[in-house]
C-alpha atoms as a PDB file:
ATOM      1  CA  MET A   1       8.104 -28.951 -10.682  1.00  0.00           C
ATOM      2  CA  LYS A   2      11.676 -30.358 -10.753  1.00  0.00           C
ATOM      3  CA  ARG A   3      14.502 -28.375  -9.174  1.00  0.00           C
ATOM      4  CA  ARG A   4      16.367 -28.181 -12.492  1.00  0.00           C
ATOM      5  CA  ASP A   5      13.246 -26.751 -14.155  1.00  0.00           C
ATOM      6  CA  MET A   6      13.028 -24.100 -11.472  1.00  0.00           C
ATOM      7  CA  LEU A   7      16.670 -23.190 -11.985  1.00  0.00           C
ATOM      8  CA  LYS A   8      16.078 -22.859 -15.708  1.00  0.00           C
ATOM      9  CA  LEU A   9      13.105 -20.600 -15.047  1.00  0.00           C
ATOM     10  CA  ALA A  10      15.123 -18.478 -12.638  1.00  0.00           C
ATOM     11  CA  ALA A  11      17.886 -18.188 -15.232  1.00  0.00           C
ATOM     12  CA  LEU A  12      15.364 -17.129 -17.833  1.00  0.00           C
ATOM     13  CA  GLY A  13      14.001 -14.475 -15.470  1.00  0.00           C
ATOM     14  CA  ALA A  14      17.498 -13.134 -14.876  1.00  0.00           C
ATOM     15  CA  ALA A  15      18.155 -13.012 -18.587  1.00  0.00           C
ATOM     16  CA  LEU A  16      15.013 -10.964 -19.008  1.00  0.00           C
ATOM     17  CA  LEU A  17      16.219  -8.614 -16.236  1.00  0.00           C
ATOM     18  CA  THR A  18      13.220  -9.429 -14.085  1.00  0.00           C
ATOM     19  CA  THR A  19      13.657  -9.681 -10.352  1.00  0.00           C
ATOM     20  CA  THR A  20      11.716 -12.857  -9.667  1.00  0.00           C
ATOM     21  CA  ALA A  21      11.151 -14.976  -6.600  1.00  0.00           C
ATOM     22  CA  LEU A  22      10.001 -18.569  -6.993  1.00  0.00           C
ATOM     23  CA  LEU A  23       8.399 -19.709  -3.771  1.00  0.00           C
ATOM     24  CA  SER A  24       7.584 -23.274  -2.891  1.00  0.00           C
ATOM     25  CA  THR A  25       7.404 -25.638   0.023  1.00  0.00           C
ATOM     26  CA  GLY A  26      10.103 -28.240   0.568  1.00  0.00           C
ATOM     27  CA  HIS A  27       8.166 -31.284  -0.633  1.00  0.00           C
ATOM     28  CA  ALA A  28       6.955 -29.526  -3.777  1.00  0.00           C
ATOM     29  CA  PHE A  29      10.005 -30.573  -5.778  1.00  0.00           C
ATOM     30  CA  ALA A  30       8.680 -34.127  -5.781  1.00  0.00           C
ATOM     31  CA  GLN A  31       5.504 -33.224  -7.561  1.00  0.00           C
ATOM     32  CA  ASP A  32       4.315 -30.903 -10.274  1.00  0.00           C
ATOM     33  CA  LYS A  33       2.523 -27.776  -9.171  1.00  0.00           C
ATOM     34  CA  LYS A  34      -1.155 -27.465 -10.032  1.00  0.00           C
ATOM     35  CA  TRP A  35      -1.214 -23.683 -10.385  1.00  0.00           C
ATOM     36  CA  LYS A  36       1.391 -21.124 -11.448  1.00  0.00           C
ATOM     37  CA  ILE A  37       0.438 -17.712 -10.044  1.00  0.00           C
ATOM     38  CA  GLY A  38       2.359 -14.543 -10.864  1.00  0.00           C
ATOM     39  CA  PHE A  39       2.474 -11.505  -8.609  1.00  0.00           C
ATOM     40  CA  SER A  40       3.754  -8.178  -9.935  1.00  0.00           C
ATOM     41  CA  GLN A  41       4.796  -6.016  -6.981  1.00  0.00           C
ATOM     42  CA  VAL A  42       5.622  -2.357  -7.581  1.00  0.00           C
ATOM     43  CA  THR A  43       8.526  -2.170  -5.115  1.00  0.00           C
ATOM     44  CA  THR A  44       9.961  -3.995  -2.132  1.00  0.00           C
ATOM     45  CA  ILE A  45      11.659  -1.013  -0.483  1.00  0.00           C
ATOM     46  CA  GLU A  46       8.751   0.603   1.382  1.00  0.00           C
ATOM     47  CA  PRO A  47       7.958  -1.066   4.742  1.00  0.00           C
ATOM     48  CA  TRP A  48       4.303  -1.602   3.836  1.00  0.00           C
ATOM     49  CA  ARG A  49       5.324  -3.300   0.585  1.00  0.00           C
ATOM     50  CA  ALA A  50       7.812  -5.494   2.419  1.00  0.00           C
ATOM     51  CA  GLN A  51       5.018  -6.613   4.754  1.00  0.00           C
ATOM     52  CA  PHE A  52       2.783  -7.112   1.701  1.00  0.00           C
ATOM     53  CA  ASN A  53       5.306  -9.597   0.275  1.00  0.00           C
ATOM     54  CA  LYS A  54       5.826 -11.274   3.623  1.00  0.00           C
ATOM     55  CA  ASP A  55       2.082 -11.871   3.952  1.00  0.00           C
ATOM     56  CA  ILE A  56       1.627 -13.324   0.466  1.00  0.00           C
ATOM     57  CA  ILE A  57       4.686 -15.580   0.878  1.00  0.00           C
ATOM     58  CA  ALA A  58       3.306 -16.880   4.191  1.00  0.00           C
ATOM     59  CA  GLU A  59      -0.026 -17.625   2.536  1.00  0.00           C
ATOM     60  CA  ALA A  60       1.658 -19.380  -0.398  1.00  0.00           C
ATOM     61  CA  ALA A  61       3.453 -21.678   2.049  1.00  0.00           C
ATOM     62  CA  LYS A  62       0.026 -23.021   3.050  1.00  0.00           C
ATOM     63  CA  HIS A  63      -0.720 -24.131  -0.522  1.00  0.00           C
ATOM     64  CA  PRO A  64       1.706 -26.782  -1.838  1.00  0.00           C
ATOM     65  CA  GLU A  65      -0.245 -26.896  -5.084  1.00  0.00           C
ATOM     66  CA  VAL A  66       0.801 -23.327  -5.925  1.00  0.00           C
ATOM     67  CA  GLU A  67       3.999 -22.023  -7.515  1.00  0.00           C
ATOM     68  CA  LEU A  68       4.151 -18.309  -6.714  1.00  0.00           C
ATOM     69  CA  ILE A  69       6.332 -16.071  -8.880  1.00  0.00           C
ATOM     70  CA  ILE A  70       6.981 -12.603  -7.450  1.00  0.00           C
ATOM     71  CA  THR A  71       8.497  -9.796  -9.501  1.00  0.00           C
ATOM     72  CA  ASP A  72       9.827  -6.458  -8.209  1.00  0.00           C
ATOM     73  CA  GLY A  73       9.013  -3.419 -10.333  1.00  0.00           C
ATOM     74  CA  GLU A  74      11.714  -1.419  -8.523  1.00  0.00           C
ATOM     75  CA  ASP A  75       9.276   1.515  -8.223  1.00  0.00           C
ATOM     76  CA  LYS A  76       9.361   2.085 -12.000  1.00  0.00           C
ATOM     77  CA  THR A  77       6.286   1.856 -14.203  1.00  0.00           C
ATOM     78  CA  GLU A  78       8.247   0.686 -17.245  1.00  0.00           C
ATOM     79  CA  LYS A  79       9.942  -2.068 -15.215  1.00  0.00           C
ATOM     80  CA  GLN A  80       6.639  -3.267 -13.829  1.00  0.00           C
ATOM     81  CA  VAL A  81       5.082  -3.309 -17.304  1.00  0.00           C
ATOM     82  CA  ALA A  82       7.976  -5.472 -18.502  1.00  0.00           C
ATOM     83  CA  ASP A  83       7.490  -7.766 -15.500  1.00  0.00           C
ATOM     84  CA  VAL A  84       3.817  -8.304 -16.305  1.00  0.00           C
ATOM     85  CA  GLU A  85       4.624  -8.919 -19.975  1.00  0.00           C
ATOM     86  CA  ASN A  86       7.096 -11.581 -18.857  1.00  0.00           C
ATOM     87  CA  LEU A  87       4.496 -13.231 -16.624  1.00  0.00           C
ATOM     88  CA  ILE A  88       2.068 -13.285 -19.550  1.00  0.00           C
ATOM     89  CA  ARG A  89       4.707 -15.028 -21.676  1.00  0.00           C
ATOM     90  CA  GLN A  90       5.162 -17.572 -18.896  1.00  0.00           C
ATOM     91  CA  GLU A  91       1.436 -18.319 -19.236  1.00  0.00           C
ATOM     92  CA  VAL A  92       0.660 -18.008 -15.545  1.00  0.00           C
ATOM     93  CA  ASP A  93      -2.693 -19.423 -14.475  1.00  0.00           C
ATOM     94  CA  ALA A  94      -3.536 -16.221 -12.614  1.00  0.00           C
ATOM     95  CA  LEU A  95      -1.968 -12.778 -12.316  1.00  0.00           C
ATOM     96  CA  LEU A  96      -1.907 -10.644  -9.184  1.00  0.00           C
ATOM     97  CA  VAL A  97      -0.751  -7.067  -9.724  1.00  0.00           C
ATOM     98  CA  SER A  98      -0.320  -4.076  -7.430  1.00  0.00           C
ATOM     99  CA  PRO A  99       0.291  -1.155  -9.805  1.00  0.00           C
ATOM    100  CA  LYS A 100       2.690   1.730  -9.292  1.00  0.00           C
ATOM    101  CA  GLU A 101       0.351   3.920 -11.343  1.00  0.00           C
ATOM    102  CA  SER A 102      -3.219   3.220 -12.342  1.00  0.00           C
ATOM    103  CA  ALA A 103      -2.967   4.520 -15.909  1.00  0.00           C
ATOM    104  CA  GLY A 104       0.551   3.234 -16.505  1.00  0.00           C
ATOM    105  CA  LEU A 105      -0.363  -0.403 -15.814  1.00  0.00           C
ATOM    106  CA  THR A 106      -3.803  -0.453 -17.439  1.00  0.00           C
ATOM    107  CA  GLY A 107      -2.546  -1.389 -20.919  1.00  0.00           C
ATOM    108  CA  VAL A 108      -0.505  -4.402 -19.861  1.00  0.00           C
ATOM    109  CA  VAL A 109      -3.231  -5.563 -17.463  1.00  0.00           C
ATOM    110  CA  GLN A 110      -5.615  -5.485 -20.416  1.00  0.00           C
ATOM    111  CA  GLN A 111      -3.102  -7.595 -22.376  1.00  0.00           C
ATOM    112  CA  ALA A 112      -3.261 -10.222 -19.638  1.00  0.00           C
ATOM    113  CA  ILE A 113      -7.054 -10.110 -19.646  1.00  0.00           C
ATOM    114  CA  ASP A 114      -7.079 -10.486 -23.449  1.00  0.00           C
ATOM    115  CA  ALA A 115      -4.792 -13.507 -23.031  1.00  0.00           C
ATOM    116  CA  LYS A 116      -7.554 -15.068 -20.877  1.00  0.00           C
ATOM    117  CA  ILE A 117      -5.499 -14.820 -17.689  1.00  0.00           C
ATOM    118  CA  PRO A 118      -7.625 -14.037 -14.632  1.00  0.00           C
ATOM    119  CA  VAL A 119      -6.308 -10.803 -13.125  1.00  0.00           C
ATOM    120  CA  PHE A 120      -6.548  -9.831  -9.461  1.00  0.00           C
ATOM    121  CA  VAL A 121      -5.742  -6.165  -8.845  1.00  0.00           C
ATOM    122  CA  LEU A 122      -4.393  -5.447  -5.367  1.00  0.00           C
ATOM    123  CA  ASP A 123      -4.261  -2.163  -3.429  1.00  0.00           C
ATOM    124  CA  ARG A 124      -4.207   0.281  -6.371  1.00  0.00           C
ATOM    125  CA  ASN A 125      -6.756   0.030  -9.136  1.00  0.00           C
ATOM    126  CA  VAL A 126      -6.348   0.273 -12.911  1.00  0.00           C
ATOM    127  CA  ASP A 127      -8.445   2.087 -15.504  1.00  0.00           C
ATOM    128  CA  THR A 128     -10.447  -0.928 -16.598  1.00  0.00           C
ATOM    129  CA  LYS A 129     -13.134  -2.994 -14.917  1.00  0.00           C
ATOM    130  CA  ASP A 130     -12.414  -6.137 -16.962  1.00  0.00           C
ATOM    131  CA  TYR A 131     -10.243  -7.676 -14.246  1.00  0.00           C
ATOM    132  CA  THR A 132     -11.518 -10.624 -12.214  1.00  0.00           C
ATOM    133  CA  GLN A 133     -11.351  -8.976  -8.807  1.00  0.00           C
ATOM    134  CA  PHE A 134     -10.022  -6.018  -6.838  1.00  0.00           C
ATOM    135  CA  VAL A 135      -8.752  -6.595  -3.278  1.00  0.00           C
ATOM    136  CA  GLY A 136      -7.775  -3.667  -1.078  1.00  0.00           C
ATOM    137  CA  GLY A 137      -8.749  -1.177   1.568  1.00  0.00           C
ATOM    138  CA  ASP A 138     -11.326   1.559   1.045  1.00  0.00           C
ATOM    139  CA  ASN A 139      -8.989   4.527   0.784  1.00  0.00           C
ATOM    140  CA  LYS A 140     -11.785   7.069   0.704  1.00  0.00           C
ATOM    141  CA  LEU A 141     -13.267   5.595   3.863  1.00  0.00           C
ATOM    142  CA  ILE A 142      -9.842   5.732   5.541  1.00  0.00           C
ATOM    143  CA  GLY A 143      -9.451   9.335   4.391  1.00  0.00           C
ATOM    144  CA  ARG A 144     -12.833  10.172   5.896  1.00  0.00           C
ATOM    145  CA  ALA A 145     -11.834   8.605   9.202  1.00  0.00           C
ATOM    146  CA  ALA A 146      -8.605  10.620   9.189  1.00  0.00           C
ATOM    147  CA  GLY A 147     -10.476  13.813   8.311  1.00  0.00           C
ATOM    148  CA  GLU A 148     -13.053  13.286  11.035  1.00  0.00           C
ATOM    149  CA  TYR A 149     -10.292  12.734  13.590  1.00  0.00           C
ATOM    150  CA  ALA A 150      -8.398  15.805  12.356  1.00  0.00           C
ATOM    151  CA  VAL A 151     -11.508  17.927  12.914  1.00  0.00           C
ATOM    152  CA  GLU A 152     -11.756  16.491  16.436  1.00  0.00           C
ATOM    153  CA  LEU A 153      -8.105  17.270  17.169  1.00  0.00           C
ATOM    154  CA  LEU A 154      -8.493  20.833  15.901  1.00  0.00           C
ATOM    155  CA  GLY A 155     -11.439  21.728  18.121  1.00  0.00           C
ATOM    156  CA  GLY A 156     -14.420  19.669  17.031  1.00  0.00           C
ATOM    157  CA  LYS A 157     -17.216  19.900  14.485  1.00  0.00           C
ATOM    158  CA  GLY A 158     -18.186  23.500  13.776  1.00  0.00           C
ATOM    159  CA  LYS A 159     -15.309  24.857  15.877  1.00  0.00           C
ATOM    160  CA  ALA A 160     -12.212  23.313  14.303  1.00  0.00           C
ATOM    161  CA  ALA A 161      -9.441  25.739  13.413  1.00  0.00           C
ATOM    162  CA  GLY A 162      -5.797  25.424  12.475  1.00  0.00           C
ATOM    163  CA  ASN A 163      -3.182  25.235   9.755  1.00  0.00           C
ATOM    164  CA  VAL A 164      -2.872  21.859   8.045  1.00  0.00           C
ATOM    165  CA  VAL A 165      -0.055  20.390   5.948  1.00  0.00           C
ATOM    166  CA  GLU A 166      -1.168  17.522   3.720  1.00  0.00           C
ATOM    167  CA  ILE A 167       1.562  15.397   2.162  1.00  0.00           C
ATOM    168  CA  TRP A 168       0.293  13.408  -0.778  1.00  0.00           C
ATOM    169  CA  GLY A 169       1.357   9.959  -1.895  1.00  0.00           C
ATOM    170  CA  GLY A 170       2.011   9.471  -5.615  1.00  0.00           C
ATOM    171  CA  MET A 171      -0.128  11.877  -7.628  1.00  0.00           C
ATOM    172  CA  GLY A 172      -0.711   9.224 -10.294  1.00  0.00           C
ATOM    173  CA  THR A 173      -2.209   6.717  -7.862  1.00  0.00           C
ATOM    174  CA  GLN A 174      -5.888   6.372  -7.002  1.00  0.00           C
ATOM    175  CA  PRO A 175      -5.251   5.718  -3.282  1.00  0.00           C
ATOM    176  CA  ALA A 176      -3.635   9.155  -2.905  1.00  0.00           C
ATOM    177  CA  HIS A 177      -6.627  10.866  -4.512  1.00  0.00           C
ATOM    178  CA  ASP A 178      -9.085   8.824  -2.440  1.00  0.00           C
ATOM    179  CA  ARG A 179      -7.231   9.551   0.805  1.00  0.00           C
ATOM    180  CA  HIS A 180      -7.257  13.243  -0.093  1.00  0.00           C
ATOM    181  CA  ASP A 181     -10.924  13.336  -1.116  1.00  0.00           C
ATOM    182  CA  GLY A 182     -12.124  11.435   1.937  1.00  0.00           C
ATOM    183  CA  PHE A 183     -10.147  13.653   4.301  1.00  0.00           C
ATOM    184  CA  HIS A 184     -11.508  16.829   2.751  1.00  0.00           C
ATOM    185  CA  GLU A 185     -15.116  15.651   3.000  1.00  0.00           C
ATOM    186  CA  PHE A 186     -14.786  16.503   6.700  1.00  0.00           C
ATOM    187  CA  THR A 187     -12.136  19.216   6.878  1.00  0.00           C
ATOM    188  CA  ASP A 188     -13.564  21.366   4.067  1.00  0.00           C
ATOM    189  CA  LYS A 189     -16.709  21.894   6.118  1.00  0.00           C
ATOM    190  CA  GLU A 190     -14.649  23.757   8.705  1.00  0.00           C
ATOM    191  CA  PRO A 191     -13.944  27.381   7.682  1.00  0.00           C
ATOM    192  CA  GLY A 192     -11.331  27.671  10.413  1.00  0.00           C
ATOM    193  CA  ILE A 193      -9.081  25.040   8.818  1.00  0.00           C
ATOM    194  CA  LYS A 194      -6.469  26.410   6.397  1.00  0.00           C
ATOM    195  CA  TYR A 195      -4.299  24.345   4.050  1.00  0.00           C
ATOM    196  CA  LEU A 196      -0.661  25.361   3.680  1.00  0.00           C
ATOM    197  CA  LEU A 197       0.483  23.209   0.757  1.00  0.00           C
ATOM    198  CA  ASP A 198      -1.117  22.813  -2.667  1.00  0.00           C
ATOM    199  CA  GLN A 199      -0.979  19.132  -3.648  1.00  0.00           C
ATOM    200  CA  GLN A 200       2.628  18.490  -2.704  1.00  0.00           C
ATOM    201  CA  SER A 201       3.637  14.858  -3.251  1.00  0.00           C
ATOM    202  CA  GLY A 202       6.104  12.947  -1.084  1.00  0.00           C
ATOM    203  CA  ASP A 203       5.698   9.913  -3.380  1.00  0.00           C
ATOM    204  CA  TRP A 204       5.038   7.720  -0.307  1.00  0.00           C
ATOM    205  CA  LYS A 205       8.656   8.240   0.864  1.00  0.00           C
ATOM    206  CA  GLN A 206       9.920   9.451   4.244  1.00  0.00           C
ATOM    207  CA  ASP A 207      12.841  11.485   2.922  1.00  0.00           C
ATOM    208  CA  GLN A 208      10.737  13.403   0.411  1.00  0.00           C
ATOM    209  CA  ALA A 209       8.146  14.176   3.090  1.00  0.00           C
ATOM    210  CA  TYR A 210      10.934  15.402   5.372  1.00  0.00           C
ATOM    211  CA  ASN A 211      12.037  17.888   2.703  1.00  0.00           C
ATOM    212  CA  LEU A 212       8.488  19.112   2.068  1.00  0.00           C
ATOM    213  CA  MET A 213       7.889  19.616   5.775  1.00  0.00           C
ATOM    214  CA  ALA A 214      11.242  21.331   6.291  1.00  0.00           C
ATOM    215  CA  ASN A 215      10.264  23.902   3.657  1.00  0.00           C
ATOM    216  CA  ALA A 216       6.777  24.301   5.146  1.00  0.00           C
ATOM    217  CA  LEU A 217       8.285  24.951   8.585  1.00  0.00           C
ATOM    218  CA  LYS A 218      10.533  27.660   7.162  1.00  0.00           C
ATOM    219  CA  THR A 219       7.655  29.538   5.562  1.00  0.00           C
ATOM    220  CA  ASN A 220       4.921  29.014   8.194  1.00  0.00           C
ATOM    221  CA  GLU A 221       5.285  30.054  11.816  1.00  0.00           C
ATOM    222  CA  LYS A 222       2.227  28.044  12.835  1.00  0.00           C
ATOM    223  CA  ILE A 223       1.444  24.484  11.741  1.00  0.00           C
ATOM    224  CA  ASP A 224      -1.140  22.617  13.790  1.00  0.00           C
ATOM    225  CA  LEU A 225      -1.562  19.293  12.033  1.00  0.00           C
ATOM    226  CA  VAL A 226       0.132  17.153   9.390  1.00  0.00           C
ATOM    227  CA  TYR A 227      -1.781  14.584   7.381  1.00  0.00           C
ATOM    228  CA  GLY A 228       0.542  12.177   5.604  1.00  0.00           C
ATOM    229  CA  HIS A 229      -0.955   9.713   3.139  1.00  0.00           C
ATOM    230  CA  ASN A 230       1.157   7.007   4.768  1.00  0.00           C
ATOM    231  CA  ASP A 231       3.055   6.564   8.020  1.00  0.00           C
ATOM    232  CA  PRO A 232       6.585   6.967   6.598  1.00  0.00           C
ATOM    233  CA  MET A 233       5.672  10.404   5.235  1.00  0.00           C
ATOM    234  CA  ALA A 234       3.957  11.444   8.464  1.00  0.00           C
ATOM    235  CA  TYR A 235       7.070  10.316  10.325  1.00  0.00           C
ATOM    236  CA  GLY A 236       9.331  12.186   7.917  1.00  0.00           C
ATOM    237  CA  ALA A 237       7.342  15.335   8.680  1.00  0.00           C
ATOM    238  CA  TYR A 238       7.665  14.619  12.402  1.00  0.00           C
ATOM    239  CA  LEU A 239      11.447  14.326  12.105  1.00  0.00           C
ATOM    240  CA  ALA A 240      11.646  17.620  10.227  1.00  0.00           C
ATOM    241  CA  ALA A 241       9.633  19.335  12.961  1.00  0.00           C
ATOM    242  CA  LYS A 242      11.715  17.683  15.674  1.00  0.00           C
ATOM    243  CA  ASP A 243      14.925  18.938  14.077  1.00  0.00           C
ATOM    244  CA  VAL A 244      13.758  22.525  14.623  1.00  0.00           C
ATOM    245  CA  GLY A 245      12.131  21.923  17.991  1.00  0.00           C
ATOM    246  CA  ARG A 246       8.524  22.253  16.852  1.00  0.00           C
ATOM    247  CA  GLU A 247       7.260  18.665  16.980  1.00  0.00           C
ATOM    248  CA  LYS A 248       5.373  19.116  20.271  1.00  0.00           C
ATOM    249  CA  ASP A 249       3.203  21.849  18.762  1.00  0.00           C
ATOM    250  CA  ILE A 250       1.960  19.705  15.866  1.00  0.00           C
ATOM    251  CA  LYS A 251      -0.342  16.679  15.527  1.00  0.00           C
ATOM    252  CA  PHE A 252       0.765  14.019  13.028  1.00  0.00           C
ATOM    253  CA  ILE A 253      -1.663  11.614  11.333  1.00  0.00           C
ATOM    254  CA  GLY A 254      -0.579   8.769   9.053  1.00  0.00           C
ATOM    255  CA  ILE A 255      -1.987   5.699   7.326  1.00  0.00           C
ATOM    256  CA  ASP A 256      -0.837   2.049   7.141  1.00  0.00           C
ATOM    257  CA  GLY A 257      -0.706   1.053  10.788  1.00  0.00           C
ATOM    258  CA  LEU A 258       1.929  -1.659  10.533  1.00  0.00           C
ATOM    259  CA  PRO A 259       2.584  -2.943  14.084  1.00  0.00           C
ATOM    260  CA  ASN A 260       6.362  -2.600  13.772  1.00  0.00           C
ATOM    261  CA  GLU A 261       6.133   0.828  12.129  1.00  0.00           C
ATOM    262  CA  GLY A 262       3.142   3.172  12.470  1.00  0.00           C
ATOM    263  CA  VAL A 263       1.751   1.599  15.634  1.00  0.00           C
ATOM    264  CA  GLN A 264       5.180   1.800  17.267  1.00  0.00           C
ATOM    265  CA  MET A 265       5.413   5.464  16.258  1.00  0.00           C
ATOM    266  CA  VAL A 266       2.042   6.173  17.848  1.00  0.00           C
ATOM    267  CA  ASN A 267       2.979   4.284  21.002  1.00  0.00           C
ATOM    268  CA  LYS A 268       6.161   6.361  21.300  1.00  0.00           C
ATOM    269  CA  GLY A 269       4.202   9.597  20.875  1.00  0.00           C
ATOM    270  CA  GLU A 270       5.807  10.440  17.524  1.00  0.00           C
ATOM    271  CA  LEU A 271       2.575  10.118  15.542  1.00  0.00           C
ATOM    272  CA  THR A 272      -0.764  11.154  17.007  1.00  0.00           C
ATOM    273  CA  ALA A 273      -2.680   8.489  15.105  1.00  0.00           C
ATOM    274  CA  THR A 274      -2.456   5.997  12.288  1.00  0.00           C
ATOM    275  CA  PHE A 275      -5.207   4.198  10.396  1.00  0.00           C
ATOM    276  CA  THR A 276      -4.585   0.589   9.460  1.00  0.00           C
ATOM    277  CA  TYR A 277      -4.396  -0.296   5.786  1.00  0.00           C
ATOM    278  CA  VAL A 278      -4.203  -4.082   5.699  1.00  0.00           C
ATOM    279  CA  THR A 279      -1.944  -5.545   3.024  1.00  0.00           C
ATOM    280  CA  PRO A 280      -4.040  -7.452   0.452  1.00  0.00           C
ATOM    281  CA  GLY A 281      -1.463 -10.100  -0.455  1.00  0.00           C
ATOM    282  CA  ALA A 282      -2.733 -13.052   1.570  1.00  0.00           C
ATOM    283  CA  GLU A 283      -6.390 -12.415   0.736  1.00  0.00           C
ATOM    284  CA  GLY A 284      -5.566 -11.819  -2.928  1.00  0.00           C
ATOM    285  CA  LEU A 285      -3.793 -15.162  -3.191  1.00  0.00           C
ATOM    286  CA  ARG A 286      -6.628 -16.956  -1.396  1.00  0.00           C
ATOM    287  CA  GLN A 287      -9.127 -15.431  -3.802  1.00  0.00           C
ATOM    288  CA  ALA A 288      -7.047 -16.408  -6.856  1.00  0.00           C
ATOM    289  CA  ILE A 289      -6.813 -20.026  -5.674  1.00  0.00           C
ATOM    290  CA  LYS A 290     -10.535 -20.046  -4.962  1.00  0.00           C
ATOM    291  CA  PHE A 291     -11.236 -18.828  -8.509  1.00  0.00           C
ATOM    292  CA  LEU A 292      -8.860 -21.337 -10.106  1.00  0.00           C
ATOM    293  CA  ASN A 293     -10.641 -24.111  -8.238  1.00  0.00           C
ATOM    294  CA  GLY A 294     -13.884 -23.133  -9.941  1.00  0.00           C
ATOM    295  CA  GLU A 295     -15.484 -21.151  -7.135  1.00  0.00           C
ATOM    296  CA  LYS A 296     -17.184 -17.796  -7.590  1.00  0.00           C
ATOM    297  CA  VAL A 297     -15.441 -14.674  -6.325  1.00  0.00           C
ATOM    298  CA  GLU A 298     -16.812 -11.207  -5.662  1.00  0.00           C
ATOM    299  CA  LYS A 299     -15.804  -8.336  -7.921  1.00  0.00           C
ATOM    300  CA  THR A 300     -14.456  -6.351  -4.957  1.00  0.00           C
ATOM    301  CA  ILE A 301     -13.089  -7.389  -1.565  1.00  0.00           C
ATOM    302  CA  THR A 302     -12.775  -4.453   0.844  1.00  0.00           C
ATOM    303  CA  LEU A 303     -10.387  -4.901   3.753  1.00  0.00           C
ATOM    304  CA  PRO A 304     -11.199  -3.308   7.157  1.00  0.00           C
ATOM    305  CA  THR A 305      -9.440  -0.382   8.851  1.00  0.00           C
ATOM    306  CA  GLN A 306      -8.834   0.615  12.487  1.00  0.00           C
ATOM    307  CA  LYS A 307      -7.865   3.893  14.138  1.00  0.00           C
ATOM    308  CA  ILE A 308      -4.760   3.539  16.315  1.00  0.00           C
ATOM    309  CA  THR A 309      -4.087   6.222  18.925  1.00  0.00           C
ATOM    310  CA  LYS A 310      -2.080   6.337  22.153  1.00  0.00           C
ATOM    311  CA  GLU A 311      -5.075   4.808  23.937  1.00  0.00           C
ATOM    312  CA  ASN A 312      -4.991   1.482  22.059  1.00  0.00           C
ATOM    313  CA  ALA A 313      -1.504   1.309  20.501  1.00  0.00           C
ATOM    314  CA  ALA A 314       0.037  -0.708  23.349  1.00  0.00           C
ATOM    315  CA  GLN A 315      -2.740  -3.303  23.152  1.00  0.00           C
ATOM    316  CA  VAL A 316      -2.340  -3.606  19.377  1.00  0.00           C
ATOM    317  CA  LEU A 317       1.384  -4.182  19.836  1.00  0.00           C
ATOM    318  CA  LYS A 318       0.683  -6.803  22.497  1.00  0.00           C
ATOM    319  CA  ASP A 319      -1.823  -8.543  20.229  1.00  0.00           C
ATOM    320  CA  ASN A 320       0.885  -8.738  17.573  1.00  0.00           C
ATOM    321  CA  GLY A 321       3.493 -10.108  19.939  1.00  0.00           C
ATOM    322  CA  LEU A 322       5.479  -6.858  20.127  1.00  0.00           C
END
């Protein structure tokens, strides 16, 4: 693709009020791209999402035949819907989408499918199975691992007891429900475990989790464990407890396990544990290219998880050059 054509496309994206990144390698301007792949990202503000974009951009750099267009939904369903509609109009060869909300993005994903665009759903699912492939972690499995570890921290199977604060991610997202359900498969078997909040959402954000925890601390003299559906929320709860001098009495469990975020927090003793939730960007792009080249792809690719505690956090940081 010529540089002037790329500038025209960027101008068109701006006119349509779509935050779009066109990514290419240096020598690509001298030749036309073989594939145009669109990626609709829900937001770029959260650390995990920033890493998500970093990973997919790094993978795209390995494929000079690919023009990758990234849009930023700015954490708004209506903005992300508009972004996907724009990518459909651009007639992308494949669409990668990581939805803000499962139900909210289903309609426009179906539009892409009806337009014969192969769709690869990343991280959060949609309410249709007509897509080409889903790539992401098994959130229920991660929730189970977190629940099993919580039972261990609170006294062990059959003996666990304590007051638990669970801070949900977005209530309209499947990962939040899966992380909740998996966790409770273990903790609900323990009559000594009590839950202090009734489905309180921090919307994946540290500041909202801080506020929820601050209120919980005011109304509950004893809190033994916090389960945040991601590391920023678990850390927000930790900060709230620290501000009133109660952080040493509470265990904090999170999910995501980014080396420069959750793993660092565990290594510093701020979080008790985190469970890795690998970003699906690089694998999603690899799968899309594989499909466009005529190869078969599986309906679902499940990414692995790992429990990070004080015992292995330093080694994980070392392995990641930190």
